[in-house]
Full PDB file with SEQRES, HELIX, SHEET, SSBOND, CRYST1, ORIGX, SCALE, CONECT and MASTER records, all heavy atoms in Angstrom:
SEQRES   1 A   43  LEU SER ASN GLN GLN LEU GLY TYR VAL PHE SER ALA PHE          
SEQRES   2 A   43  VAL LEU GLY TYR ALA LEU PHE GLN ALA PRO GLY GLY ARG          
SEQRES   3 A   43  LEU ALA ASP ARG PHE GLY PRO ARG ARG VAL ILE ALA LEU          
SEQRES   4 A   43  GLY VAL VAL TRP                                              
HELIX    1 AA1 ASN A    3  PHE A   31  1                                  29    
HELIX    2 AA2 PRO A   33  VAL A   42  1                                  10    
CRYST1    1.000    1.000    1.000  90.00  90.00  90.00 P 1           1          
ORIGX1      1.000000  0.000000  0.000000        0.00000                         
ORIGX2      0.000000  1.000000  0.000000        0.00000                         
ORIGX3      0.000000  0.000000  1.000000        0.00000                         
SCALE1      1.000000  0.000000  0.000000        0.00000                         
SCALE2      0.000000  1.000000  0.000000        0.00000                         
SCALE3      0.000000  0.000000  1.000000        0.00000                         
ATOM      1  N   LEU A   1       2.145  14.635 -19.534  1.00  0.00           N  
ATOM      2  CA  LEU A   1       3.064  13.510 -19.324  1.00  0.00           C  
ATOM      3  C   LEU A   1       3.048  12.519 -20.496  1.00  0.00           C  
ATOM      4  O   LEU A   1       2.077  12.377 -21.193  1.00  0.00           O  
ATOM      5  CB  LEU A   1       2.480  12.686 -18.096  1.00  0.00           C  
ATOM      6  CG  LEU A   1       2.320  13.468 -16.751  1.00  0.00           C  
ATOM      7  CD1 LEU A   1       1.592  12.445 -15.759  1.00  0.00           C  
ATOM      8  CD2 LEU A   1       3.501  13.868 -16.160  1.00  0.00           C  
ATOM      9  N   SER A   2       4.345  12.022 -20.774  1.00  0.00           N  
ATOM     10  CA  SER A   2       4.494  11.110 -21.842  1.00  0.00           C  
ATOM     11  C   SER A   2       3.984   9.627 -21.276  1.00  0.00           C  
ATOM     12  O   SER A   2       3.685   9.586 -19.993  1.00  0.00           O  
ATOM     13  CB  SER A   2       5.951  10.977 -22.140  1.00  0.00           C  
ATOM     14  OG  SER A   2       6.623  10.421 -21.089  1.00  0.00           O  
ATOM     15  N   ASN A   3       3.844   8.830 -22.114  1.00  0.00           N  
ATOM     16  CA  ASN A   3       3.384   7.454 -21.824  1.00  0.00           C  
ATOM     17  C   ASN A   3       4.335   6.775 -20.752  1.00  0.00           C  
ATOM     18  O   ASN A   3       3.925   6.211 -19.827  1.00  0.00           O  
ATOM     19  CB  ASN A   3       3.169   6.501 -22.940  1.00  0.00           C  
ATOM     20  CG  ASN A   3       1.954   6.852 -23.737  1.00  0.00           C  
ATOM     21  OD1 ASN A   3       1.042   7.446 -23.267  1.00  0.00           O  
ATOM     22  ND2 ASN A   3       1.936   6.478 -25.137  1.00  0.00           N  
ATOM     23  N   GLN A   4       5.568   7.158 -20.964  1.00  0.00           N  
ATOM     24  CA  GLN A   4       6.692   6.634 -19.912  1.00  0.00           C  
ATOM     25  C   GLN A   4       6.490   7.252 -18.755  1.00  0.00           C  
ATOM     26  O   GLN A   4       6.522   6.490 -17.537  1.00  0.00           O  
ATOM     27  CB  GLN A   4       8.040   6.831 -20.606  1.00  0.00           C  
ATOM     28  CG  GLN A   4       9.006   6.242 -19.613  1.00  0.00           C  
ATOM     29  CD  GLN A   4      10.512   6.561 -20.267  1.00  0.00           C  
ATOM     30  OE1 GLN A   4      10.720   7.194 -21.193  1.00  0.00           O  
ATOM     31  NE2 GLN A   4      11.529   5.965 -19.542  1.00  0.00           N  
ATOM     32  N   GLN A   5       6.192   8.472 -18.562  1.00  0.00           N  
ATOM     33  CA  GLN A   5       6.035   9.257 -17.339  1.00  0.00           C  
ATOM     34  C   GLN A   5       4.785   8.661 -16.640  1.00  0.00           C  
ATOM     35  O   GLN A   5       4.676   8.537 -15.429  1.00  0.00           O  
ATOM     36  CB  GLN A   5       6.019  10.696 -17.494  1.00  0.00           C  
ATOM     37  CG  GLN A   5       7.321  11.259 -17.874  1.00  0.00           C  
ATOM     38  CD  GLN A   5       7.211  12.589 -18.281  1.00  0.00           C  
ATOM     39  OE1 GLN A   5       6.316  13.172 -18.907  1.00  0.00           O  
ATOM     40  NE2 GLN A   5       8.191  13.487 -17.886  1.00  0.00           N  
ATOM     41  N   LEU A   6       3.707   8.512 -17.434  1.00  0.00           N  
ATOM     42  CA  LEU A   6       2.386   7.943 -16.914  1.00  0.00           C  
ATOM     43  C   LEU A   6       2.714   6.553 -16.320  1.00  0.00           C  
ATOM     44  O   LEU A   6       2.107   6.134 -15.349  1.00  0.00           O  
ATOM     45  CB  LEU A   6       1.387   8.053 -17.992  1.00  0.00           C  
ATOM     46  CG  LEU A   6      -0.019   7.622 -17.576  1.00  0.00           C  
ATOM     47  CD1 LEU A   6      -0.498   8.583 -16.402  1.00  0.00           C  
ATOM     48  CD2 LEU A   6      -1.038   7.647 -18.714  1.00  0.00           C  
ATOM     49  N   GLY A   7       3.488   5.773 -16.997  1.00  0.00           N  
ATOM     50  CA  GLY A   7       3.912   4.434 -16.606  1.00  0.00           C  
ATOM     51  C   GLY A   7       4.517   4.456 -15.306  1.00  0.00           C  
ATOM     52  O   GLY A   7       4.260   3.646 -14.401  1.00  0.00           O  
ATOM     53  N   TYR A   8       5.426   5.536 -15.074  1.00  0.00           N  
ATOM     54  CA  TYR A   8       6.073   5.730 -13.632  1.00  0.00           C  
ATOM     55  C   TYR A   8       4.969   5.761 -12.577  1.00  0.00           C  
ATOM     56  O   TYR A   8       5.061   5.309 -11.398  1.00  0.00           O  
ATOM     57  CB  TYR A   8       6.937   6.893 -13.723  1.00  0.00           C  
ATOM     58  CG  TYR A   8       8.288   6.598 -14.550  1.00  0.00           C  
ATOM     59  CD1 TYR A   8       8.850   7.722 -15.142  1.00  0.00           C  
ATOM     60  CD2 TYR A   8       8.941   5.347 -14.648  1.00  0.00           C  
ATOM     61  CE1 TYR A   8       9.970   7.562 -15.917  1.00  0.00           C  
ATOM     62  CE2 TYR A   8       9.916   5.241 -15.551  1.00  0.00           C  
ATOM     63  CZ  TYR A   8      10.440   6.310 -16.115  1.00  0.00           C  
ATOM     64  OH  TYR A   8      11.656   6.158 -16.905  1.00  0.00           O  
ATOM     65  N   VAL A   9       4.074   6.657 -12.779  1.00  0.00           N  
ATOM     66  CA  VAL A   9       2.866   6.882 -11.998  1.00  0.00           C  
ATOM     67  C   VAL A   9       2.119   5.745 -11.636  1.00  0.00           C  
ATOM     68  O   VAL A   9       1.775   5.470 -10.470  1.00  0.00           O  
ATOM     69  CB  VAL A   9       1.993   8.086 -12.521  1.00  0.00           C  
ATOM     70  CG1 VAL A   9       0.797   8.398 -11.607  1.00  0.00           C  
ATOM     71  CG2 VAL A   9       2.724   9.359 -12.681  1.00  0.00           C  
ATOM     72  N   PHE A  10       1.856   4.956 -12.713  1.00  0.00           N  
ATOM     73  CA  PHE A  10       1.217   3.612 -12.561  1.00  0.00           C  
ATOM     74  C   PHE A  10       1.955   2.673 -11.679  1.00  0.00           C  
ATOM     75  O   PHE A  10       1.459   2.043 -10.725  1.00  0.00           O  
ATOM     76  CB  PHE A  10       0.786   3.009 -13.837  1.00  0.00           C  
ATOM     77  CG  PHE A  10      -0.250   3.615 -14.589  1.00  0.00           C  
ATOM     78  CD1 PHE A  10      -0.504   3.187 -15.906  1.00  0.00           C  
ATOM     79  CD2 PHE A  10      -0.939   4.791 -14.308  1.00  0.00           C  
ATOM     80  CE1 PHE A  10      -1.508   3.668 -16.704  1.00  0.00           C  
ATOM     81  CE2 PHE A  10      -2.009   5.288 -15.000  1.00  0.00           C  
ATOM     82  CZ  PHE A  10      -2.249   4.786 -16.248  1.00  0.00           C  
ATOM     83  N   SER A  11       3.211   2.693 -11.988  1.00  0.00           N  
ATOM     84  CA  SER A  11       4.090   1.630 -11.222  1.00  0.00           C  
ATOM     85  C   SER A  11       4.337   2.039  -9.841  1.00  0.00           C  
ATOM     86  O   SER A  11       4.556   1.160  -8.956  1.00  0.00           O  
ATOM     87  CB  SER A  11       5.406   1.513 -12.021  1.00  0.00           C  
ATOM     88  OG  SER A  11       5.209   1.082 -13.370  1.00  0.00           O  
ATOM     89  N   ALA A  12       4.201   3.269  -9.527  1.00  0.00           N  
ATOM     90  CA  ALA A  12       4.579   3.693  -8.139  1.00  0.00           C  
ATOM     91  C   ALA A  12       3.612   3.069  -7.207  1.00  0.00           C  
ATOM     92  O   ALA A  12       3.991   2.630  -6.065  1.00  0.00           O  
ATOM     93  CB  ALA A  12       4.449   5.294  -8.015  1.00  0.00           C  
ATOM     94  N   PHE A  13       2.383   2.990  -7.686  1.00  0.00           N  
ATOM     95  CA  PHE A  13       1.259   2.469  -6.780  1.00  0.00           C  
ATOM     96  C   PHE A  13       1.617   0.876  -6.410  1.00  0.00           C  
ATOM     97  O   PHE A  13       1.689   0.394  -5.436  1.00  0.00           O  
ATOM     98  CB  PHE A  13      -0.126   2.492  -7.321  1.00  0.00           C  
ATOM     99  CG  PHE A  13      -1.061   1.613  -6.658  1.00  0.00           C  
ATOM    100  CD1 PHE A  13      -1.756   2.146  -5.616  1.00  0.00           C  
ATOM    101  CD2 PHE A  13      -1.421   0.301  -7.016  1.00  0.00           C  
ATOM    102  CE1 PHE A  13      -2.668   1.422  -4.866  1.00  0.00           C  
ATOM    103  CE2 PHE A  13      -2.209  -0.464  -6.285  1.00  0.00           C  
ATOM    104  CZ  PHE A  13      -2.856   0.077  -5.147  1.00  0.00           C  
ATOM    105  N   VAL A  14       1.954   0.254  -7.526  1.00  0.00           N  
ATOM    106  CA  VAL A  14       2.240  -1.321  -7.484  1.00  0.00           C  
ATOM    107  C   VAL A  14       3.516  -1.509  -6.606  1.00  0.00           C  
ATOM    108  O   VAL A  14       3.430  -2.413  -5.860  1.00  0.00           O  
ATOM    109  CB  VAL A  14       2.374  -1.875  -8.849  1.00  0.00           C  
ATOM    110  CG1 VAL A  14       2.607  -3.385  -8.844  1.00  0.00           C  
ATOM    111  CG2 VAL A  14       1.062  -1.706  -9.811  1.00  0.00           C  
ATOM    112  N   LEU A  15       4.441  -0.651  -6.869  1.00  0.00           N  
ATOM    113  CA  LEU A  15       5.640  -0.964  -6.069  1.00  0.00           C  
ATOM    114  C   LEU A  15       5.446  -0.661  -4.530  1.00  0.00           C  
ATOM    115  O   LEU A  15       5.796  -1.552  -3.727  1.00  0.00           O  
ATOM    116  CB  LEU A  15       6.716   0.036  -6.501  1.00  0.00           C  
ATOM    117  CG  LEU A  15       8.164  -0.013  -5.788  1.00  0.00           C  
ATOM    118  CD1 LEU A  15       8.750  -1.379  -5.871  1.00  0.00           C  
ATOM    119  CD2 LEU A  15       9.004   1.078  -6.247  1.00  0.00           C  
ATOM    120  N   GLY A  16       4.659   0.418  -4.224  1.00  0.00           N  
ATOM    121  CA  GLY A  16       4.252   0.683  -2.782  1.00  0.00           C  
ATOM    122  C   GLY A  16       3.423  -0.410  -2.207  1.00  0.00           C  
ATOM    123  O   GLY A  16       3.586  -0.860  -1.010  1.00  0.00           O  
ATOM    124  N   TYR A  17       2.415  -0.947  -2.989  1.00  0.00           N  
ATOM    125  CA  TYR A  17       1.633  -1.926  -2.693  1.00  0.00           C  
ATOM    126  C   TYR A  17       2.435  -3.269  -2.353  1.00  0.00           C  
ATOM    127  O   TYR A  17       2.265  -3.920  -1.358  1.00  0.00           O  
ATOM    128  CB  TYR A  17       0.592  -2.233  -3.895  1.00  0.00           C  
ATOM    129  CG  TYR A  17      -0.487  -3.151  -3.502  1.00  0.00           C  
ATOM    130  CD1 TYR A  17      -1.580  -2.764  -2.724  1.00  0.00           C  
ATOM    131  CD2 TYR A  17      -0.445  -4.515  -4.029  1.00  0.00           C  
ATOM    132  CE1 TYR A  17      -2.694  -3.586  -2.504  1.00  0.00           C  
ATOM    133  CE2 TYR A  17      -1.464  -5.353  -3.644  1.00  0.00           C  
ATOM    134  CZ  TYR A  17      -2.577  -5.061  -2.992  1.00  0.00           C  
ATOM    135  OH  TYR A  17      -3.671  -5.852  -2.723  1.00  0.00           O  
ATOM    136  N   ALA A  18       3.395  -3.683  -3.319  1.00  0.00           N  
ATOM    137  CA  ALA A  18       4.051  -4.877  -3.069  1.00  0.00           C  
ATOM    138  C   ALA A  18       4.946  -4.831  -1.902  1.00  0.00           C  
ATOM    139  O   ALA A  18       5.083  -5.752  -1.165  1.00  0.00           O  
ATOM    140  CB  ALA A  18       4.968  -5.039  -4.352  1.00  0.00           C  
ATOM    141  N   LEU A  19       5.626  -3.706  -1.738  1.00  0.00           N  
ATOM    142  CA  LEU A  19       6.687  -3.554  -0.579  1.00  0.00           C  
ATOM    143  C   LEU A  19       5.949  -3.558   0.680  1.00  0.00           C  
ATOM    144  O   LEU A  19       6.617  -3.852   1.675  1.00  0.00           O  
ATOM    145  CB  LEU A  19       7.401  -2.313  -0.818  1.00  0.00           C  
ATOM    146  CG  LEU A  19       8.417  -2.321  -1.960  1.00  0.00           C  
ATOM    147  CD1 LEU A  19       9.122  -0.937  -2.077  1.00  0.00           C  
ATOM    148  CD2 LEU A  19       9.478  -3.385  -1.859  1.00  0.00           C  
ATOM    149  N   PHE A  20       4.699  -3.127   0.784  1.00  0.00           N  
ATOM    150  CA  PHE A  20       4.098  -3.057   2.026  1.00  0.00           C  
ATOM    151  C   PHE A  20       3.024  -4.193   2.541  1.00  0.00           C  
ATOM    152  O   PHE A  20       2.448  -4.181   3.522  1.00  0.00           O  
ATOM    153  CB  PHE A  20       3.422  -1.623   2.186  1.00  0.00           C  
ATOM    154  CG  PHE A  20       3.273  -1.146   3.529  1.00  0.00           C  
ATOM    155  CD1 PHE A  20       4.393  -0.690   4.304  1.00  0.00           C  
ATOM    156  CD2 PHE A  20       2.104  -1.171   4.277  1.00  0.00           C  
ATOM    157  CE1 PHE A  20       4.374  -0.284   5.458  1.00  0.00           C  
ATOM    158  CE2 PHE A  20       2.020  -0.701   5.655  1.00  0.00           C  
ATOM    159  CZ  PHE A  20       3.182  -0.305   6.197  1.00  0.00           C  
ATOM    160  N   GLN A  21       2.938  -5.225   1.641  1.00  0.00           N  
ATOM    161  CA  GLN A  21       2.208  -6.315   1.905  1.00  0.00           C  
ATOM    162  C   GLN A  21       2.571  -7.090   3.199  1.00  0.00           C  
ATOM    163  O   GLN A  21       1.730  -7.107   4.126  1.00  0.00           O  
ATOM    164  CB  GLN A  21       2.193  -7.379   0.887  1.00  0.00           C  
ATOM    165  CG  GLN A  21       1.482  -6.999  -0.516  1.00  0.00           C  
ATOM    166  CD  GLN A  21      -0.098  -7.165  -0.309  1.00  0.00           C  
ATOM    167  OE1 GLN A  21      -0.468  -8.192   0.196  1.00  0.00           O  
ATOM    168  NE2 GLN A  21      -0.735  -6.187  -0.583  1.00  0.00           N  
ATOM    169  N   ALA A  22       3.833  -7.395   3.334  1.00  0.00           N  
ATOM    170  CA  ALA A  22       4.283  -8.109   4.552  1.00  0.00           C  
ATOM    171  C   ALA A  22       4.315  -7.223   5.696  1.00  0.00           C  
ATOM    172  O   ALA A  22       3.818  -7.678   6.788  1.00  0.00           O  
ATOM    173  CB  ALA A  22       5.618  -8.770   4.303  1.00  0.00           C  
ATOM    174  N   PRO A  23       4.717  -5.904   5.711  1.00  0.00           N  
ATOM    175  CA  PRO A  23       4.626  -5.066   6.910  1.00  0.00           C  
ATOM    176  C   PRO A  23       3.206  -4.853   7.195  1.00  0.00           C  
ATOM    177  O   PRO A  23       2.789  -4.766   8.405  1.00  0.00           O  
ATOM    178  CB  PRO A  23       5.251  -3.831   6.465  1.00  0.00           C  
ATOM    179  CG  PRO A  23       6.244  -4.312   5.378  1.00  0.00           C  
ATOM    180  CD  PRO A  23       5.634  -5.395   4.654  1.00  0.00           C  
ATOM    181  N   GLY A  24       2.239  -4.773   6.288  1.00  0.00           N  
ATOM    182  CA  GLY A  24       0.785  -4.622   6.560  1.00  0.00           C  
ATOM    183  C   GLY A  24       0.311  -5.887   7.282  1.00  0.00           C  
ATOM    184  O   GLY A  24      -0.512  -5.641   8.220  1.00  0.00           O  
ATOM    185  N   GLY A  25       0.725  -7.041   6.970  1.00  0.00           N  
ATOM    186  CA  GLY A  25       0.357  -8.249   7.674  1.00  0.00           C  
ATOM    187  C   GLY A  25       0.835  -8.226   9.052  1.00  0.00           C  
ATOM    188  O   GLY A  25       0.166  -8.489  10.024  1.00  0.00           O  
ATOM    189  N   ARG A  26       2.033  -7.705   9.303  1.00  0.00           N  
ATOM    190  CA  ARG A  26       2.636  -7.635  10.554  1.00  0.00           C  
ATOM    191  C   ARG A  26       1.921  -6.641  11.463  1.00  0.00           C  
ATOM    192  O   ARG A  26       1.625  -6.975  12.611  1.00  0.00           O  
ATOM    193  CB  ARG A  26       4.038  -7.243  10.423  1.00  0.00           C  
ATOM    194  CG  ARG A  26       4.831  -7.211  11.821  1.00  0.00           C  
ATOM    195  CD  ARG A  26       5.231  -8.587  12.257  1.00  0.00           C  
ATOM    196  NE  ARG A  26       5.843  -8.571  13.507  1.00  0.00           N  
ATOM    197  CZ  ARG A  26       5.596  -9.192  14.620  1.00  0.00           C  
ATOM    198  NH1 ARG A  26       4.474  -9.943  14.656  1.00  0.00           N  
ATOM    199  NH2 ARG A  26       6.299  -9.131  15.647  1.00  0.00           N  
ATOM    200  N   LEU A  27       1.497  -5.551  10.819  1.00  0.00           N  
ATOM    201  CA  LEU A  27       0.674  -4.575  11.610  1.00  0.00           C  
ATOM    202  C   LEU A  27      -0.663  -5.183  12.143  1.00  0.00           C  
ATOM    203  O   LEU A  27      -1.057  -5.047  13.203  1.00  0.00           O  
ATOM    204  CB  LEU A  27       0.449  -3.309  10.752  1.00  0.00           C  
ATOM    205  CG  LEU A  27       1.712  -2.314  10.572  1.00  0.00           C  
ATOM    206  CD1 LEU A  27       1.381  -1.291   9.569  1.00  0.00           C  
ATOM    207  CD2 LEU A  27       2.086  -1.825  11.916  1.00  0.00           C  
ATOM    208  N   ALA A  28      -1.327  -5.936  11.082  1.00  0.00           N  
ATOM    209  CA  ALA A  28      -2.445  -6.646  11.510  1.00  0.00           C  
ATOM    210  C   ALA A  28      -2.329  -7.537  12.564  1.00  0.00           C  
ATOM    211  O   ALA A  28      -3.294  -7.600  13.510  1.00  0.00           O  
ATOM    212  CB  ALA A  28      -3.133  -7.172  10.362  1.00  0.00           C  
ATOM    213  N   ASP A  29      -1.325  -8.333  12.535  1.00  0.00           N  
ATOM    214  CA  ASP A  29      -1.023  -9.283  13.547  1.00  0.00           C  
ATOM    215  C   ASP A  29      -0.878  -8.561  14.998  1.00  0.00           C  
ATOM    216  O   ASP A  29      -1.290  -9.016  16.057  1.00  0.00           O  
ATOM    217  CB  ASP A  29       0.203 -10.251  13.296  1.00  0.00           C  
ATOM    218  CG  ASP A  29      -0.017 -11.157  12.183  1.00  0.00           C  
ATOM    219  OD1 ASP A  29      -1.256 -11.441  11.965  1.00  0.00           O  
ATOM    220  OD2 ASP A  29       1.060 -11.595  11.623  1.00  0.00           O  
ATOM    221  N   ARG A  30      -0.063  -7.424  14.961  1.00  0.00           N  
ATOM    222  CA  ARG A  30       0.089  -6.745  16.150  1.00  0.00           C  
ATOM    223  C   ARG A  30      -0.934  -5.936  16.809  1.00  0.00           C  
ATOM    224  O   ARG A  30      -1.130  -5.847  17.927  1.00  0.00           O  
ATOM    225  CB  ARG A  30       1.437  -5.876  15.955  1.00  0.00           C  
ATOM    226  CG  ARG A  30       1.986  -5.243  17.268  1.00  0.00           C  
ATOM    227  CD  ARG A  30       3.148  -4.508  17.134  1.00  0.00           C  
ATOM    228  NE  ARG A  30       3.402  -3.793  18.388  1.00  0.00           N  
ATOM    229  CZ  ARG A  30       4.566  -3.483  18.768  1.00  0.00           C  
ATOM    230  NH1 ARG A  30       5.616  -3.793  18.134  1.00  0.00           N  
ATOM    231  NH2 ARG A  30       4.702  -2.831  19.899  1.00  0.00           N  
ATOM    232  N   PHE A  31      -1.561  -5.045  15.876  1.00  0.00           N  
ATOM    233  CA  PHE A  31      -2.598  -4.198  16.356  1.00  0.00           C  
ATOM    234  C   PHE A  31      -4.067  -4.644  16.098  1.00  0.00           C  
ATOM    235  O   PHE A  31      -4.908  -4.023  16.547  1.00  0.00           O  
ATOM    236  CB  PHE A  31      -2.284  -2.732  15.627  1.00  0.00           C  
ATOM    237  CG  PHE A  31      -1.019  -2.288  16.018  1.00  0.00           C  
ATOM    238  CD1 PHE A  31       0.013  -2.141  15.070  1.00  0.00           C  
ATOM    239  CD2 PHE A  31      -0.776  -1.727  17.349  1.00  0.00           C  
ATOM    240  CE1 PHE A  31       1.292  -1.614  15.450  1.00  0.00           C  
ATOM    241  CE2 PHE A  31       0.470  -1.231  17.648  1.00  0.00           C  
ATOM    242  CZ  PHE A  31       1.532  -1.192  16.689  1.00  0.00           C  
ATOM    243  N   GLY A  32      -4.167  -5.679  15.311  1.00  0.00           N  
ATOM    244  CA  GLY A  32      -5.548  -6.184  15.050  1.00  0.00           C  
ATOM    245  C   GLY A  32      -6.006  -5.693  13.800  1.00  0.00           C  
ATOM    246  O   GLY A  32      -5.764  -4.476  13.324  1.00  0.00           O  
ATOM    247  N   PRO A  33      -6.720  -6.568  13.117  1.00  0.00           N  
ATOM    248  CA  PRO A  33      -7.258  -6.205  11.816  1.00  0.00           C  
ATOM    249  C   PRO A  33      -8.247  -4.991  11.765  1.00  0.00           C  
ATOM    250  O   PRO A  33      -8.152  -4.214  10.789  1.00  0.00           O  
ATOM    251  CB  PRO A  33      -7.988  -7.322  11.180  1.00  0.00           C  
ATOM    252  CG  PRO A  33      -8.376  -8.124  12.478  1.00  0.00           C  
ATOM    253  CD  PRO A  33      -7.286  -7.805  13.444  1.00  0.00           C  
ATOM    254  N   ARG A  34      -9.080  -4.770  12.815  1.00  0.00           N  
ATOM    255  CA  ARG A  34      -9.938  -3.669  12.796  1.00  0.00           C  
ATOM    256  C   ARG A  34      -9.260  -2.383  12.763  1.00  0.00           C  
ATOM    257  O   ARG A  34      -9.578  -1.440  11.927  1.00  0.00           O  
ATOM    258  CB  ARG A  34     -10.888  -3.689  14.034  1.00  0.00           C  
ATOM    259  CG  ARG A  34     -11.922  -2.657  14.075  1.00  0.00           C  
ATOM    260  CD  ARG A  34     -12.675  -2.696  15.306  1.00  0.00           C  
ATOM    261  NE  ARG A  34     -11.749  -2.604  16.417  1.00  0.00           N  
ATOM    262  CZ  ARG A  34     -12.036  -2.300  17.700  1.00  0.00           C  
ATOM    263  NH1 ARG A  34     -13.375  -2.187  17.901  1.00  0.00           N  
ATOM    264  NH2 ARG A  34     -11.287  -2.043  18.655  1.00  0.00           N  
ATOM    265  N   ARG A  35      -8.243  -2.209  13.595  1.00  0.00           N  
ATOM    266  CA  ARG A  35      -7.481  -0.954  13.631  1.00  0.00           C  
ATOM    267  C   ARG A  35      -6.744  -0.637  12.280  1.00  0.00           C  
ATOM    268  O   ARG A  35      -6.610   0.488  11.734  1.00  0.00           O  
ATOM    269  CB  ARG A  35      -6.484  -0.845  14.763  1.00  0.00           C  
ATOM    270  CG  ARG A  35      -7.152  -0.717  16.069  1.00  0.00           C  
ATOM    271  CD  ARG A  35      -6.178  -0.576  17.213  1.00  0.00           C  
ATOM    272  NE  ARG A  35      -6.776  -0.465  18.401  1.00  0.00           N  
ATOM    273  CZ  ARG A  35      -6.422  -0.983  19.643  1.00  0.00           C  
ATOM    274  NH1 ARG A  35      -5.370  -1.803  19.482  1.00  0.00           N  
ATOM    275  NH2 ARG A  35      -7.054  -0.852  20.698  1.00  0.00           N  
ATOM    276  N   VAL A  36      -6.117  -1.718  11.814  1.00  0.00           N  
ATOM    277  CA  VAL A  36      -5.283  -1.596  10.579  1.00  0.00           C  
ATOM    278  C   VAL A  36      -6.087  -1.299   9.416  1.00  0.00           C  
ATOM    279  O   VAL A  36      -5.754  -0.438   8.601  1.00  0.00           O  
ATOM    280  CB  VAL A  36      -4.236  -2.826  10.428  1.00  0.00           C  
ATOM    281  CG1 VAL A  36      -3.725  -2.704   9.161  1.00  0.00           C  
ATOM    282  CG2 VAL A  36      -3.367  -3.001  11.572  1.00  0.00           C  
ATOM    283  N   ILE A  37      -7.229  -2.068   9.339  1.00  0.00           N  
ATOM    284  CA  ILE A  37      -8.184  -1.765   8.105  1.00  0.00           C  
ATOM    285  C   ILE A  37      -8.706  -0.399   8.254  1.00  0.00           C  
ATOM    286  O   ILE A  37      -8.824   0.403   7.239  1.00  0.00           O  
ATOM    287  CB  ILE A  37      -9.290  -2.862   8.078  1.00  0.00           C  
ATOM    288  CG1 ILE A  37      -8.757  -4.192   7.696  1.00  0.00           C  
ATOM    289  CG2 ILE A  37     -10.363  -2.354   7.148  1.00  0.00           C  
ATOM    290  CD1 ILE A  37      -9.790  -5.247   7.750  1.00  0.00           C  
ATOM    291  N   ALA A  38      -9.082   0.116   9.432  1.00  0.00           N  
ATOM    292  CA  ALA A  38      -9.695   1.443   9.548  1.00  0.00           C  
ATOM    293  C   ALA A  38      -8.584   2.434   9.143  1.00  0.00           C  
ATOM    294  O   ALA A  38      -8.863   3.465   8.420  1.00  0.00           O  
ATOM    295  CB  ALA A  38     -10.134   1.639  11.006  1.00  0.00           C  
ATOM    296  N   LEU A  39      -7.416   2.389   9.663  1.00  0.00           N  
ATOM    297  CA  LEU A  39      -6.358   3.188   9.214  1.00  0.00           C  
ATOM    298  C   LEU A  39      -5.948   3.132   7.654  1.00  0.00           C  
ATOM    299  O   LEU A  39      -5.828   4.168   7.083  1.00  0.00           O  
ATOM    300  CB  LEU A  39      -5.040   2.880  10.077  1.00  0.00           C  
ATOM    301  CG  LEU A  39      -3.875   3.766   9.742  1.00  0.00           C  
ATOM    302  CD1 LEU A  39      -4.132   5.295  10.021  1.00  0.00           C  
ATOM    303  CD2 LEU A  39      -2.615   3.296  10.478  1.00  0.00           C  
ATOM    304  N   GLY A  40      -6.015   1.899   7.145  1.00  0.00           N  
ATOM    305  CA  GLY A  40      -5.790   1.796   5.747  1.00  0.00           C  
ATOM    306  C   GLY A  40      -6.815   2.537   4.878  1.00  0.00           C  
ATOM    307  O   GLY A  40      -6.457   3.059   3.995  1.00  0.00           O  
ATOM    308  N   VAL A  41      -8.223   2.286   5.302  1.00  0.00           N  
ATOM    309  CA  VAL A  41      -9.121   3.059   4.553  1.00  0.00           C  
ATOM    310  C   VAL A  41      -9.126   4.511   4.545  1.00  0.00           C  
ATOM    311  O   VAL A  41      -9.030   5.160   3.570  1.00  0.00           O  
ATOM    312  CB  VAL A  41     -10.656   2.507   5.136  1.00  0.00           C  
ATOM    313  CG1 VAL A  41     -11.702   3.434   4.663  1.00  0.00           C  
ATOM    314  CG2 VAL A  41     -10.730   1.094   4.880  1.00  0.00           C  
ATOM    315  N   VAL A  42      -8.739   5.082   5.721  1.00  0.00           N  
ATOM    316  CA  VAL A  42      -8.543   6.474   5.891  1.00  0.00           C  
ATOM    317  C   VAL A  42      -7.365   6.947   5.138  1.00  0.00           C  
ATOM    318  O   VAL A  42      -7.324   7.989   4.301  1.00  0.00           O  
ATOM    319  CB  VAL A  42      -8.379   6.957   7.343  1.00  0.00           C  
ATOM    320  CG1 VAL A  42      -7.920   8.449   7.466  1.00  0.00           C  
ATOM    321  CG2 VAL A  42      -9.781   6.768   8.154  1.00  0.00           C  
ATOM    322  N   TRP A  43      -6.281   6.216   5.130  1.00  0.00           N  
ATOM    323  CA  TRP A  43      -5.043   6.512   4.488  1.00  0.00           C  
ATOM    324  C   TRP A  43      -5.230   6.475   2.991  1.00  0.00           C  
ATOM    325  O   TRP A  43      -4.953   7.354   2.233  1.00  0.00           O  
ATOM    326  CB  TRP A  43      -4.006   5.418   4.807  1.00  0.00           C  
ATOM    327  CG  TRP A  43      -2.688   5.407   4.263  1.00  0.00           C  
ATOM    328  CD1 TRP A  43      -2.199   5.105   3.031  1.00  0.00           C  
ATOM    329  CD2 TRP A  43      -1.466   6.038   4.956  1.00  0.00           C  
ATOM    330  NE1 TRP A  43      -0.914   5.454   2.995  1.00  0.00           N  
ATOM    331  CE2 TRP A  43      -0.366   5.929   4.025  1.00  0.00           C  
ATOM    332  CE3 TRP A  43      -1.347   6.395   6.244  1.00  0.00           C  
ATOM    333  CZ2 TRP A  43       0.859   6.312   4.431  1.00  0.00           C  
ATOM    334  CZ3 TRP A  43       0.008   6.855   6.657  1.00  0.00           C  
ATOM    335  CH2 TRP A  43       1.066   6.784   5.742  1.00  0.00           C  
TER     336      TRP A  43                                                      
MASTER        0    0    0    2    0    0    0    6  335    1    0    4          
END                                                                             
């Protein structure tokens, strides 16, 4: 991989992380933090 391609790999995590913060909070509100954290850890 070039540095640019490696940058895409690095950025993919951050993009997924940023986009799922609010939905992750909604899931914790709806299903409870214990279930969501457990699923998140396995995921």
